[in-house]
Amino acid sequence: MITKSPEKGLDQTIDRKYFQGALLKEKNIHLIGINFEEKENIEDDILVINPRDKEKLKKFINRK
């Protein structure tokens, strides 16, 4: 069974700065990490971060 944590997905999104273009718009955005199993079932691990909340984003990045 392949499982990955929602944190790993968000790490990739943040490291590669996928959300940067969306920050330039006046719309609300959220980064969402979801743990999927091999058969594409969603586990109960879901993590949501609003990248406009600099404190929470920094706390997530520096959590290690």
C-alpha atoms as a PDB file:
ATOM      1  CA  MET A   1       0.000   0.000   0.000  1.00  0.00           C
ATOM      2  CA  ILE A   2       1.333   3.442  -0.936  1.00  0.00           C
ATOM      3  CA  THR A   3       0.529   6.159   1.541  1.00  0.00           C
ATOM      4  CA  LYS A   4       1.987   9.626   1.794  1.00  0.00           C
ATOM      5  CA  SER A   5       1.325  12.196   4.437  1.00  0.00           C
ATOM      6  CA  PRO A   6      -0.498  15.431   3.610  1.00  0.00           C
ATOM      7  CA  GLU A   7       2.584  17.243   4.878  1.00  0.00           C
ATOM      8  CA  LYS A   8       4.724  15.719   2.084  1.00  0.00           C
ATOM      9  CA  GLY A   9       2.335  17.045  -0.551  1.00  0.00           C
ATOM     10  CA  LEU A  10       2.323  20.510   0.961  1.00  0.00           C
ATOM     11  CA  ASP A  11       6.117  20.467   1.234  1.00  0.00           C
ATOM     12  CA  GLN A  12       6.320  19.938  -2.517  1.00  0.00           C
ATOM     13  CA  THR A  13       3.759  22.661  -3.224  1.00  0.00           C
ATOM     14  CA  ILE A  14       5.622  25.141  -1.026  1.00  0.00           C
ATOM     15  CA  ASP A  15       9.135  24.146  -2.159  1.00  0.00           C
ATOM     16  CA  ARG A  16       8.196  24.517  -5.824  1.00  0.00           C
ATOM     17  CA  LYS A  17       6.173  27.684  -5.126  1.00  0.00           C
ATOM     18  CA  TYR A  18       3.127  26.444  -7.056  1.00  0.00           C
ATOM     19  CA  PHE A  19       0.872  28.919  -5.227  1.00  0.00           C
ATOM     20  CA  GLN A  20       2.888  32.113  -5.821  1.00  0.00           C
ATOM     21  CA  GLY A  21       0.903  33.238  -8.892  1.00  0.00           C
ATOM     22  CA  ALA A  22      -2.375  32.872  -7.016  1.00  0.00           C
ATOM     23  CA  LEU A  23      -1.143  35.179  -4.249  1.00  0.00           C
ATOM     24  CA  LEU A  24      -1.133  38.061  -6.734  1.00  0.00           C
ATOM     25  CA  LYS A  25      -4.918  37.795  -7.141  1.00  0.00           C
ATOM     26  CA  GLU A  26      -7.487  39.185  -4.720  1.00  0.00           C
ATOM     27  CA  LYS A  27      -9.095  35.762  -4.216  1.00  0.00           C
ATOM     28  CA  ASN A  28      -8.894  33.510  -1.185  1.00  0.00           C
ATOM     29  CA  ILE A  29      -6.621  30.522  -1.665  1.00  0.00           C
ATOM     30  CA  HIS A  30      -5.764  27.558   0.524  1.00  0.00           C
ATOM     31  CA  LEU A  31      -3.092  24.904   0.197  1.00  0.00           C
ATOM     32  CA  ILE A  32      -4.589  21.483   0.829  1.00  0.00           C
ATOM     33  CA  GLY A  33      -2.656  18.288   1.516  1.00  0.00           C
ATOM     34  CA  ILE A  34      -4.576  14.999   1.435  1.00  0.00           C
ATOM     35  CA  ASN A  35      -3.326  11.496   2.218  1.00  0.00           C
ATOM     36  CA  PHE A  36      -4.311   9.074  -0.584  1.00  0.00           C
ATOM     37  CA  GLU A  37      -4.051   5.320  -0.523  1.00  0.00           C
ATOM     38  CA  GLU A  38      -3.036   3.186  -3.505  1.00  0.00           C
ATOM     39  CA  LYS A  39      -6.658   2.789  -4.644  1.00  0.00           C
ATOM     40  CA  GLU A  40      -7.190   6.563  -4.465  1.00  0.00           C
ATOM     41  CA  ASN A  41      -9.157   6.417  -1.250  1.00  0.00           C
ATOM     42  CA  ILE A  42      -8.855   9.537   0.841  1.00  0.00           C
ATOM     43  CA  GLU A  43      -7.492   8.836   4.289  1.00  0.00           C
ATOM     44  CA  ASP A  44      -8.616  10.922   7.235  1.00  0.00           C
ATOM     45  CA  ASP A  45      -5.420  12.979   7.013  1.00  0.00           C
ATOM     46  CA  ILE A  46      -6.233  16.365   5.488  1.00  0.00           C
ATOM     47  CA  LEU A  47      -4.162  19.486   6.101  1.00  0.00           C
ATOM     48  CA  VAL A  48      -5.197  23.004   5.018  1.00  0.00           C
ATOM     49  CA  ILE A  49      -2.991  26.101   5.119  1.00  0.00           C
ATOM     50  CA  ASN A  50      -3.825  29.611   3.973  1.00  0.00           C
ATOM     51  CA  PRO A  51      -0.547  30.908   2.465  1.00  0.00           C
ATOM     52  CA  ARG A  52      -1.639  34.505   3.128  1.00  0.00           C
ATOM     53  CA  ASP A  53      -1.347  33.717   6.842  1.00  0.00           C
ATOM     54  CA  LYS A  54       2.416  34.243   6.956  1.00  0.00           C
ATOM     55  CA  GLU A  55       2.711  33.058  10.569  1.00  0.00           C
ATOM     56  CA  LYS A  56       1.003  29.701   9.945  1.00  0.00           C
ATOM     57  CA  LEU A  57       2.879  29.170   6.682  1.00  0.00           C
ATOM     58  CA  LYS A  58       6.215  29.888   8.380  1.00  0.00           C
ATOM     59  CA  LYS A  59       5.282  27.600  11.292  1.00  0.00           C
ATOM     60  CA  PHE A  60       4.513  24.756   8.860  1.00  0.00           C
ATOM     61  CA  ILE A  61       7.739  25.274   6.893  1.00  0.00           C
ATOM     62  CA  ASN A  62       9.851  25.385  10.080  1.00  0.00           C
ATOM     63  CA  ARG A  63       8.095  22.466  11.818  1.00  0.00           C
ATOM     64  CA  LYS A  64      10.994  19.995  11.355  1.00  0.00           C
END
